[in-house]
Every structure is written in C-alpha cells, then in structure tokens.
Amino acid sequence: IDERVELFSIIFRLAGNPEYNMKFAKHYIA
C-alpha cells in the first residue's frame, strides 16, 4: 500500500473526480 498512491487518490476523491469516488470500500471511505 503506497502512501503516495493513497494520498493522491484521496485528494482527487475530495476534489470530486468520479473515477476516484467509487464506493466499494465503504468502511475505508468512511
């Protein structure tokens, strides 16, 4: 689990990019 990957994924999740806003990992996303 690469810290850089998680960091950038979360930034673009918060920015609203649809491809980074899938909701499969419900607990982790919470």
Full PDB file with SEQRES, HELIX, SHEET, SSBOND, CRYST1, ORIGX, SCALE, CONECT and MASTER records, all heavy atoms in Angstrom:
SEQRES   1 A   30  ILE ASP GLU ARG VAL GLU LEU PHE SER ILE ILE PHE ARG          
SEQRES   2 A   30  LEU ALA GLY ASN PRO GLU TYR ASN MET LYS PHE ALA LYS          
SEQRES   3 A   30  HIS TYR ILE ALA                                              
HELIX    1 AA1 GLU A    3  LEU A   14  1                                  12    
HELIX    2 AA2 PRO A   18  TYR A   20  5                                   3    
HELIX    3 AA3 LYS A   26  ILE A   29  1                                   4    
CRYST1    1.000    1.000    1.000  90.00  90.00  90.00 P 1           1          
ORIGX1      1.000000  0.000000  0.000000        0.00000                         
ORIGX2      0.000000  1.000000  0.000000        0.00000                         
ORIGX3      0.000000  0.000000  1.000000        0.00000                         
SCALE1      1.000000  0.000000  0.000000        0.00000                         
SCALE2      0.000000  1.000000  0.000000        0.00000                         
SCALE3      0.000000  0.000000  1.000000        0.00000                         
ATOM      1  N   ILE A   1       0.889  -1.154   0.000  1.00  0.00           N  
ATOM      2  CA  ILE A   1       0.000   0.000   0.000  1.00  0.00           C  
ATOM      3  C   ILE A   1       0.930   1.207   0.000  1.00  0.00           C  
ATOM      4  O   ILE A   1       1.654   1.442   0.964  1.00  0.00           O  
ATOM      5  CB  ILE A   1      -0.926   0.028   1.228  1.00  0.00           C  
ATOM      6  CG1 ILE A   1      -1.716  -1.280   1.343  1.00  0.00           C  
ATOM      7  CG2 ILE A   1      -1.865   1.235   1.137  1.00  0.00           C  
ATOM      8  CD1 ILE A   1      -2.723  -1.508   0.252  1.00  0.00           C  
ATOM      9  N   ASP A   2       0.953   1.933  -1.087  1.00  0.00           N  
ATOM     10  CA  ASP A   2       1.893   3.028  -1.307  1.00  0.00           C  
ATOM     11  C   ASP A   2       1.286   4.334  -0.786  1.00  0.00           C  
ATOM     12  O   ASP A   2       0.201   4.730  -1.206  1.00  0.00           O  
ATOM     13  CB  ASP A   2       2.191   3.122  -2.806  1.00  0.00           C  
ATOM     14  CG  ASP A   2       3.332   4.061  -3.140  1.00  0.00           C  
ATOM     15  OD1 ASP A   2       3.308   5.214  -2.675  1.00  0.00           O  
ATOM     16  OD2 ASP A   2       4.237   3.644  -3.887  1.00  0.00           O  
ATOM     17  N   GLU A   3       2.010   4.991   0.114  1.00  0.00           N  
ATOM     18  CA  GLU A   3       1.482   6.221   0.707  1.00  0.00           C  
ATOM     19  C   GLU A   3       1.192   7.281  -0.355  1.00  0.00           C  
ATOM     20  O   GLU A   3       0.218   8.032  -0.250  1.00  0.00           O  
ATOM     21  CB  GLU A   3       2.453   6.772   1.751  1.00  0.00           C  
ATOM     22  CG  GLU A   3       1.876   7.922   2.558  1.00  0.00           C  
ATOM     23  CD  GLU A   3       2.796   8.396   3.669  1.00  0.00           C  
ATOM     24  OE1 GLU A   3       4.013   8.110   3.602  1.00  0.00           O  
ATOM     25  OE2 GLU A   3       2.312   9.064   4.593  1.00  0.00           O  
ATOM     26  N   ARG A   4       2.007   7.353  -1.392  1.00  0.00           N  
ATOM     27  CA  ARG A   4       1.791   8.336  -2.446  1.00  0.00           C  
ATOM     28  C   ARG A   4       0.499   8.059  -3.207  1.00  0.00           C  
ATOM     29  O   ARG A   4      -0.255   8.990  -3.539  1.00  0.00           O  
ATOM     30  CB  ARG A   4       2.972   8.329  -3.423  1.00  0.00           C  
ATOM     31  CG  ARG A   4       4.320   8.619  -2.799  1.00  0.00           C  
ATOM     32  CD  ARG A   4       5.454   8.239  -3.749  1.00  0.00           C  
ATOM     33  NE  ARG A   4       5.392   6.824  -4.132  1.00  0.00           N  
ATOM     34  CZ  ARG A   4       6.159   6.259  -5.064  1.00  0.00           C  
ATOM     35  NH1 ARG A   4       7.044   6.995  -5.725  1.00  0.00           N  
ATOM     36  NH2 ARG A   4       6.048   4.977  -5.345  1.00  0.00           N  
ATOM     37  N   VAL A   5       0.233   6.789  -3.466  1.00  0.00           N  
ATOM     38  CA  VAL A   5      -0.990   6.405  -4.174  1.00  0.00           C  
ATOM     39  C   VAL A   5      -2.214   6.747  -3.342  1.00  0.00           C  
ATOM     40  O   VAL A   5      -3.201   7.312  -3.848  1.00  0.00           O  
ATOM     41  CB  VAL A   5      -0.959   4.901  -4.516  1.00  0.00           C  
ATOM     42  CG1 VAL A   5      -2.320   4.419  -5.015  1.00  0.00           C  
ATOM     43  CG2 VAL A   5       0.124   4.615  -5.547  1.00  0.00           C  
ATOM     44  N   GLU A   6      -2.169   6.417  -2.059  1.00  0.00           N  
ATOM     45  CA  GLU A   6      -3.309   6.734  -1.190  1.00  0.00           C  
ATOM     46  C   GLU A   6      -3.509   8.237  -1.075  1.00  0.00           C  
ATOM     47  O   GLU A   6      -4.648   8.735  -1.107  1.00  0.00           O  
ATOM     48  CB  GLU A   6      -3.098   6.120   0.199  1.00  0.00           C  
ATOM     49  CG  GLU A   6      -3.089   4.601   0.212  1.00  0.00           C  
ATOM     50  CD  GLU A   6      -4.341   4.010  -0.407  1.00  0.00           C  
ATOM     51  OE1 GLU A   6      -5.452   4.302   0.091  1.00  0.00           O  
ATOM     52  OE2 GLU A   6      -4.209   3.273  -1.413  1.00  0.00           O  
ATOM     53  N   LEU A   7      -2.426   8.981  -0.950  1.00  0.00           N  
ATOM     54  CA  LEU A   7      -2.501  10.436  -0.825  1.00  0.00           C  
ATOM     55  C   LEU A   7      -3.161  11.060  -2.051  1.00  0.00           C  
ATOM     56  O   LEU A   7      -4.102  11.863  -1.933  1.00  0.00           O  
ATOM     57  CB  LEU A   7      -1.089  11.000  -0.629  1.00  0.00           C  
ATOM     58  CG  LEU A   7      -0.926  12.523  -0.598  1.00  0.00           C  
ATOM     59  CD1 LEU A   7      -1.745  13.138   0.530  1.00  0.00           C  
ATOM     60  CD2 LEU A   7       0.561  12.882  -0.463  1.00  0.00           C  
ATOM     61  N   PHE A   8      -2.689  10.716  -3.235  1.00  0.00           N  
ATOM     62  CA  PHE A   8      -3.239  11.311  -4.450  1.00  0.00           C  
ATOM     63  C   PHE A   8      -4.672  10.836  -4.708  1.00  0.00           C  
ATOM     64  O   PHE A   8      -5.502  11.603  -5.196  1.00  0.00           O  
ATOM     65  CB  PHE A   8      -2.333  10.996  -5.644  1.00  0.00           C  
ATOM     66  CG  PHE A   8      -1.204  11.957  -5.807  1.00  0.00           C  
ATOM     67  CD1 PHE A   8      -0.295  12.193  -4.772  1.00  0.00           C  
ATOM     68  CD2 PHE A   8      -1.024  12.653  -6.988  1.00  0.00           C  
ATOM     69  CE1 PHE A   8       0.754  13.094  -4.915  1.00  0.00           C  
ATOM     70  CE2 PHE A   8       0.012  13.557  -7.148  1.00  0.00           C  
ATOM     71  CZ  PHE A   8       0.909  13.780  -6.106  1.00  0.00           C  
ATOM     72  N   SER A   9      -4.954   9.586  -4.386  1.00  0.00           N  
ATOM     73  CA  SER A   9      -6.311   9.067  -4.559  1.00  0.00           C  
ATOM     74  C   SER A   9      -7.294   9.832  -3.676  1.00  0.00           C  
ATOM     75  O   SER A   9      -8.403  10.183  -4.111  1.00  0.00           O  
ATOM     76  CB  SER A   9      -6.365   7.572  -4.222  1.00  0.00           C  
ATOM     77  OG  SER A   9      -5.582   6.816  -5.108  1.00  0.00           O  
ATOM     78  N   ILE A  10      -6.887  10.088  -2.453  1.00  0.00           N  
ATOM     79  CA  ILE A  10      -7.768  10.795  -1.517  1.00  0.00           C  
ATOM     80  C   ILE A  10      -7.941  12.247  -1.930  1.00  0.00           C  
ATOM     81  O   ILE A  10      -9.053  12.805  -1.859  1.00  0.00           O  
ATOM     82  CB  ILE A  10      -7.221  10.672  -0.079  1.00  0.00           C  
ATOM     83  CG1 ILE A  10      -7.446   9.236   0.422  1.00  0.00           C  
ATOM     84  CG2 ILE A  10      -7.883  11.677   0.865  1.00  0.00           C  
ATOM     85  CD1 ILE A  10      -6.797   8.926   1.752  1.00  0.00           C  
ATOM     86  N   ILE A  11      -6.890  12.895  -2.391  1.00  0.00           N  
ATOM     87  CA  ILE A  11      -7.010  14.284  -2.849  1.00  0.00           C  
ATOM     88  C   ILE A  11      -8.012  14.387  -3.991  1.00  0.00           C  
ATOM     89  O   ILE A  11      -8.899  15.263  -3.990  1.00  0.00           O  
ATOM     90  CB  ILE A  11      -5.631  14.833  -3.279  1.00  0.00           C  
ATOM     91  CG1 ILE A  11      -4.756  15.086  -2.044  1.00  0.00           C  
ATOM     92  CG2 ILE A  11      -5.783  16.112  -4.104  1.00  0.00           C  
ATOM     93  CD1 ILE A  11      -3.312  15.448  -2.358  1.00  0.00           C  
ATOM     94  N   PHE A  12      -7.923  13.503  -4.966  1.00  0.00           N  
ATOM     95  CA  PHE A  12      -8.836  13.589  -6.099  1.00  0.00           C  
ATOM     96  C   PHE A  12     -10.221  13.026  -5.763  1.00  0.00           C  
ATOM     97  O   PHE A  12     -11.192  13.352  -6.458  1.00  0.00           O  
ATOM     98  CB  PHE A  12      -8.214  12.941  -7.335  1.00  0.00           C  
ATOM     99  CG  PHE A  12      -7.272  13.869  -8.046  1.00  0.00           C  
ATOM    100  CD1 PHE A  12      -5.935  13.958  -7.659  1.00  0.00           C  
ATOM    101  CD2 PHE A  12      -7.716  14.697  -9.067  1.00  0.00           C  
ATOM    102  CE1 PHE A  12      -5.064  14.845  -8.279  1.00  0.00           C  
ATOM    103  CE2 PHE A  12      -6.857  15.585  -9.697  1.00  0.00           C  
ATOM    104  CZ  PHE A  12      -5.524  15.673  -9.301  1.00  0.00           C  
ATOM    105  N   ARG A  13     -10.327  12.235  -4.717  1.00  0.00           N  
ATOM    106  CA  ARG A  13     -11.647  11.872  -4.188  1.00  0.00           C  
ATOM    107  C   ARG A  13     -12.313  13.115  -3.619  1.00  0.00           C  
ATOM    108  O   ARG A  13     -13.483  13.407  -3.918  1.00  0.00           O  
ATOM    109  CB  ARG A  13     -11.518  10.784  -3.108  1.00  0.00           C  
ATOM    110  CG  ARG A  13     -12.836  10.492  -2.386  1.00  0.00           C  
ATOM    111  CD  ARG A  13     -12.674   9.390  -1.362  1.00  0.00           C  
ATOM    112  NE  ARG A  13     -12.492   8.100  -2.018  1.00  0.00           N  
ATOM    113  CZ  ARG A  13     -13.489   7.344  -2.453  1.00  0.00           C  
ATOM    114  NH1 ARG A  13     -14.748   7.748  -2.304  1.00  0.00           N  
ATOM    115  NH2 ARG A  13     -13.248   6.189  -3.024  1.00  0.00           N  
ATOM    116  N   LEU A  14     -11.584  13.850  -2.796  1.00  0.00           N  
ATOM    117  CA  LEU A  14     -12.138  15.059  -2.190  1.00  0.00           C  
ATOM    118  C   LEU A  14     -12.444  16.118  -3.249  1.00  0.00           C  
ATOM    119  O   LEU A  14     -13.350  16.946  -3.069  1.00  0.00           O  
ATOM    120  CB  LEU A  14     -11.165  15.618  -1.157  1.00  0.00           C  
ATOM    121  CG  LEU A  14     -10.870  14.707   0.054  1.00  0.00           C  
ATOM    122  CD1 LEU A  14      -9.821  15.340   0.958  1.00  0.00           C  
ATOM    123  CD2 LEU A  14     -12.145  14.417   0.837  1.00  0.00           C  
ATOM    124  N   ALA A  15     -11.683  16.085  -4.365  1.00  0.00           N  
ATOM    125  CA  ALA A  15     -11.913  17.045  -5.449  1.00  0.00           C  
ATOM    126  C   ALA A  15     -13.133  16.677  -6.293  1.00  0.00           C  
ATOM    127  O   ALA A  15     -13.604  17.497  -7.090  1.00  0.00           O  
ATOM    128  CB  ALA A  15     -10.676  17.138  -6.338  1.00  0.00           C  
ATOM    129  N   GLY A  16     -13.627  15.447  -6.132  1.00  0.00           N  
ATOM    130  CA  GLY A  16     -14.853  15.048  -6.818  1.00  0.00           C  
ATOM    131  C   GLY A  16     -14.679  14.277  -8.109  1.00  0.00           C  
ATOM    132  O   GLY A  16     -15.676  14.000  -8.794  1.00  0.00           O  
ATOM    133  N   ASN A  17     -13.444  13.906  -8.475  1.00  0.00           N  
ATOM    134  CA  ASN A  17     -13.271  13.118  -9.699  1.00  0.00           C  
ATOM    135  C   ASN A  17     -14.043  11.800  -9.599  1.00  0.00           C  
ATOM    136  O   ASN A  17     -13.817  11.027  -8.660  1.00  0.00           O  
ATOM    137  CB  ASN A  17     -11.791  12.811  -9.930  1.00  0.00           C  
ATOM    138  CG  ASN A  17     -11.060  13.964 -10.570  1.00  0.00           C  
ATOM    139  OD1 ASN A  17     -11.169  15.095 -10.106  1.00  0.00           O  
ATOM    140  ND2 ASN A  17     -10.298  13.686 -11.621  1.00  0.00           N  
ATOM    141  N   PRO A  18     -14.938  11.507 -10.541  1.00  0.00           N  
ATOM    142  CA  PRO A  18     -15.760  10.289 -10.441  1.00  0.00           C  
ATOM    143  C   PRO A  18     -14.939   9.005 -10.331  1.00  0.00           C  
ATOM    144  O   PRO A  18     -15.306   8.091  -9.586  1.00  0.00           O  
ATOM    145  CB  PRO A  18     -16.583  10.313 -11.739  1.00  0.00           C  
ATOM    146  CG  PRO A  18     -16.622  11.745 -12.123  1.00  0.00           C  
ATOM    147  CD  PRO A  18     -15.293  12.323 -11.709  1.00  0.00           C  
ATOM    148  N   GLU A  19     -13.830   8.910 -11.085  1.00  0.00           N  
ATOM    149  CA  GLU A  19     -13.034   7.680 -11.075  1.00  0.00           C  
ATOM    150  C   GLU A  19     -12.349   7.449  -9.738  1.00  0.00           C  
ATOM    151  O   GLU A  19     -11.913   6.324  -9.449  1.00  0.00           O  
ATOM    152  CB  GLU A  19     -12.003   7.699 -12.216  1.00  0.00           C  
ATOM    153  CG  GLU A  19     -10.858   8.688 -12.042  1.00  0.00           C  
ATOM    154  CD  GLU A  19     -11.180  10.094 -12.493  1.00  0.00           C  
ATOM    155  OE1 GLU A  19     -12.378  10.405 -12.666  1.00  0.00           O  
ATOM    156  OE2 GLU A  19     -10.239  10.892 -12.662  1.00  0.00           O  
ATOM    157  N   TYR A  20     -12.234   8.487  -8.903  1.00  0.00           N  
ATOM    158  CA  TYR A  20     -11.659   8.337  -7.571  1.00  0.00           C  
ATOM    159  C   TYR A  20     -12.736   8.411  -6.481  1.00  0.00           C  
ATOM    160  O   TYR A  20     -12.422   8.581  -5.300  1.00  0.00           O  
ATOM    161  CB  TYR A  20     -10.575   9.405  -7.330  1.00  0.00           C  
ATOM    162  CG  TYR A  20      -9.314   9.110  -8.106  1.00  0.00           C  
ATOM    163  CD1 TYR A  20      -9.049   9.757  -9.312  1.00  0.00           C  
ATOM    164  CD2 TYR A  20      -8.403   8.152  -7.662  1.00  0.00           C  
ATOM    165  CE1 TYR A  20      -7.909   9.464 -10.053  1.00  0.00           C  
ATOM    166  CE2 TYR A  20      -7.268   7.853  -8.387  1.00  0.00           C  
ATOM    167  CZ  TYR A  20      -7.020   8.511  -9.584  1.00  0.00           C  
ATOM    168  OH  TYR A  20      -5.891   8.202 -10.307  1.00  0.00           O  
ATOM    169  N   ASN A  21     -13.999   8.254  -6.891  1.00  0.00           N  
ATOM    170  CA  ASN A  21     -15.101   8.327  -5.933  1.00  0.00           C  
ATOM    171  C   ASN A  21     -15.994   7.097  -5.946  1.00  0.00           C  
ATOM    172  O   ASN A  21     -17.163   7.170  -5.577  1.00  0.00           O  
ATOM    173  CB  ASN A  21     -15.936   9.582  -6.193  1.00  0.00           C  
ATOM    174  CG  ASN A  21     -15.439  10.767  -5.376  1.00  0.00           C  
ATOM    175  OD1 ASN A  21     -15.803  10.926  -4.215  1.00  0.00           O  
ATOM    176  ND2 ASN A  21     -14.567  11.566  -5.978  1.00  0.00           N  
ATOM    177  N   MET A  22     -15.451   5.969  -6.370  1.00  0.00           N  
ATOM    178  CA  MET A  22     -16.224   4.728  -6.267  1.00  0.00           C  
ATOM    179  C   MET A  22     -16.367   4.362  -4.791  1.00  0.00           C  
ATOM    180  O   MET A  22     -15.516   4.683  -3.971  1.00  0.00           O  
ATOM    181  CB  MET A  22     -15.532   3.622  -7.055  1.00  0.00           C  
ATOM    182  CG  MET A  22     -15.413   3.940  -8.532  1.00  0.00           C  
ATOM    183  SD  MET A  22     -14.685   2.582  -9.475  1.00  0.00           S  
ATOM    184  CE  MET A  22     -13.879   3.485 -10.806  1.00  0.00           C  
ATOM    185  N   LYS A  23     -17.440   3.678  -4.488  1.00  0.00           N  
ATOM    186  CA  LYS A  23     -17.818   3.496  -3.078  1.00  0.00           C  
ATOM    187  C   LYS A  23     -17.766   2.046  -2.601  1.00  0.00           C  
ATOM    188  O   LYS A  23     -18.460   1.664  -1.664  1.00  0.00           O  
ATOM    189  CB  LYS A  23     -19.212   4.073  -2.852  1.00  0.00           C  
ATOM    190  CG  LYS A  23     -19.280   5.579  -3.084  1.00  0.00           C  
ATOM    191  CD  LYS A  23     -20.690   6.114  -2.919  1.00  0.00           C  
ATOM    192  CE  LYS A  23     -20.708   7.643  -2.909  1.00  0.00           C  
ATOM    193  NZ  LYS A  23     -20.153   8.233  -4.126  1.00  0.00           N  
ATOM    194  N   PHE A  24     -16.929   1.231  -3.220  1.00  0.00           N  
ATOM    195  CA  PHE A  24     -16.867  -0.183  -2.838  1.00  0.00           C  
ATOM    196  C   PHE A  24     -16.310  -0.371  -1.431  1.00  0.00           C  
ATOM    197  O   PHE A  24     -16.797  -1.205  -0.677  1.00  0.00           O  
ATOM    198  CB  PHE A  24     -16.007  -0.952  -3.847  1.00  0.00           C  
ATOM    199  CG  PHE A  24     -16.567  -0.971  -5.239  1.00  0.00           C  
ATOM    200  CD1 PHE A  24     -16.050  -0.147  -6.236  1.00  0.00           C  
ATOM    201  CD2 PHE A  24     -17.627  -1.803  -5.561  1.00  0.00           C  
ATOM    202  CE1 PHE A  24     -16.571  -0.160  -7.522  1.00  0.00           C  
ATOM    203  CE2 PHE A  24     -18.155  -1.834  -6.839  1.00  0.00           C  
ATOM    204  CZ  PHE A  24     -17.628  -0.994  -7.826  1.00  0.00           C  
ATOM    205  N   ALA A  25     -15.267   0.379  -1.074  1.00  0.00           N  
ATOM    206  CA  ALA A  25     -14.596   0.224   0.228  1.00  0.00           C  
ATOM    207  C   ALA A  25     -15.307   1.067   1.286  1.00  0.00           C  
ATOM    208  O   ALA A  25     -14.776   2.060   1.786  1.00  0.00           O  
ATOM    209  CB  ALA A  25     -13.130   0.620   0.110  1.00  0.00           C  
ATOM    210  N   LYS A  26     -16.505   0.666   1.650  1.00  0.00           N  
ATOM    211  CA  LYS A  26     -17.371   1.501   2.480  1.00  0.00           C  
ATOM    212  C   LYS A  26     -16.731   1.888   3.813  1.00  0.00           C  
ATOM    213  O   LYS A  26     -16.786   3.047   4.232  1.00  0.00           O  
ATOM    214  CB  LYS A  26     -18.704   0.801   2.712  1.00  0.00           C  
ATOM    215  CG  LYS A  26     -19.526   0.625   1.439  1.00  0.00           C  
ATOM    216  CD  LYS A  26     -20.837  -0.091   1.708  1.00  0.00           C  
ATOM    217  CE  LYS A  26     -21.633  -0.268   0.418  1.00  0.00           C  
ATOM    218  NZ  LYS A  26     -22.899  -1.010   0.646  1.00  0.00           N  
ATOM    219  N   HIS A  27     -16.129   0.929   4.508  1.00  0.00           N  
ATOM    220  CA  HIS A  27     -15.541   1.222   5.818  1.00  0.00           C  
ATOM    221  C   HIS A  27     -14.340   2.154   5.680  1.00  0.00           C  
ATOM    222  O   HIS A  27     -14.185   3.103   6.462  1.00  0.00           O  
ATOM    223  CB  HIS A  27     -15.119  -0.081   6.508  1.00  0.00           C  
ATOM    224  CG  HIS A  27     -16.259  -0.956   6.895  1.00  0.00           C  
ATOM    225  ND1 HIS A  27     -16.999  -1.653   5.972  1.00  0.00           N  
ATOM    226  CD2 HIS A  27     -16.799  -1.254   8.109  1.00  0.00           C  
ATOM    227  CE1 HIS A  27     -17.942  -2.356   6.585  1.00  0.00           C  
ATOM    228  NE2 HIS A  27     -17.847  -2.122   7.882  1.00  0.00           N  
ATOM    229  N   TYR A  28     -13.504   1.887   4.700  1.00  0.00           N  
ATOM    230  CA  TYR A  28     -12.309   2.699   4.486  1.00  0.00           C  
ATOM    231  C   TYR A  28     -12.703   4.119   4.062  1.00  0.00           C  
ATOM    232  O   TYR A  28     -12.125   5.107   4.531  1.00  0.00           O  
ATOM    233  CB  TYR A  28     -11.445   2.041   3.418  1.00  0.00           C  
ATOM    234  CG  TYR A  28     -10.086   2.670   3.202  1.00  0.00           C  
ATOM    235  CD1 TYR A  28      -9.198   2.871   4.253  1.00  0.00           C  
ATOM    236  CD2 TYR A  28      -9.670   3.045   1.920  1.00  0.00           C  
ATOM    237  CE1 TYR A  28      -7.939   3.430   4.049  1.00  0.00           C  
ATOM    238  CE2 TYR A  28      -8.420   3.604   1.706  1.00  0.00           C  
ATOM    239  CZ  TYR A  28      -7.562   3.798   2.779  1.00  0.00           C  
ATOM    240  OH  TYR A  28      -6.328   4.351   2.574  1.00  0.00           O  
ATOM    241  N   ILE A  29     -13.694   4.223   3.193  1.00  0.00           N  
ATOM    242  CA  ILE A  29     -14.160   5.535   2.746  1.00  0.00           C  
ATOM    243  C   ILE A  29     -14.758   6.321   3.912  1.00  0.00           C  
ATOM    244  O   ILE A  29     -14.570   7.548   4.016  1.00  0.00           O  
ATOM    245  CB  ILE A  29     -15.176   5.378   1.600  1.00  0.00           C  
ATOM    246  CG1 ILE A  29     -14.466   4.822   0.357  1.00  0.00           C  
ATOM    247  CG2 ILE A  29     -15.839   6.716   1.270  1.00  0.00           C  
ATOM    248  CD1 ILE A  29     -15.411   4.357  -0.728  1.00  0.00           C  
ATOM    249  N   ALA A  30     -15.451   5.630   4.807  1.00  0.00           N  
ATOM    250  CA  ALA A  30     -15.990   6.305   5.994  1.00  0.00           C  
ATOM    251  C   ALA A  30     -14.863   6.890   6.835  1.00  0.00           C  
ATOM    252  O   ALA A  30     -14.969   8.009   7.360  1.00  0.00           O  
ATOM    253  CB  ALA A  30     -16.821   5.328   6.819  1.00  0.00           C  
TER     254      ALA A  30                                                      
MASTER        0    0    0    3    0    0    0    6  253    1    0    3          
END                                                                             
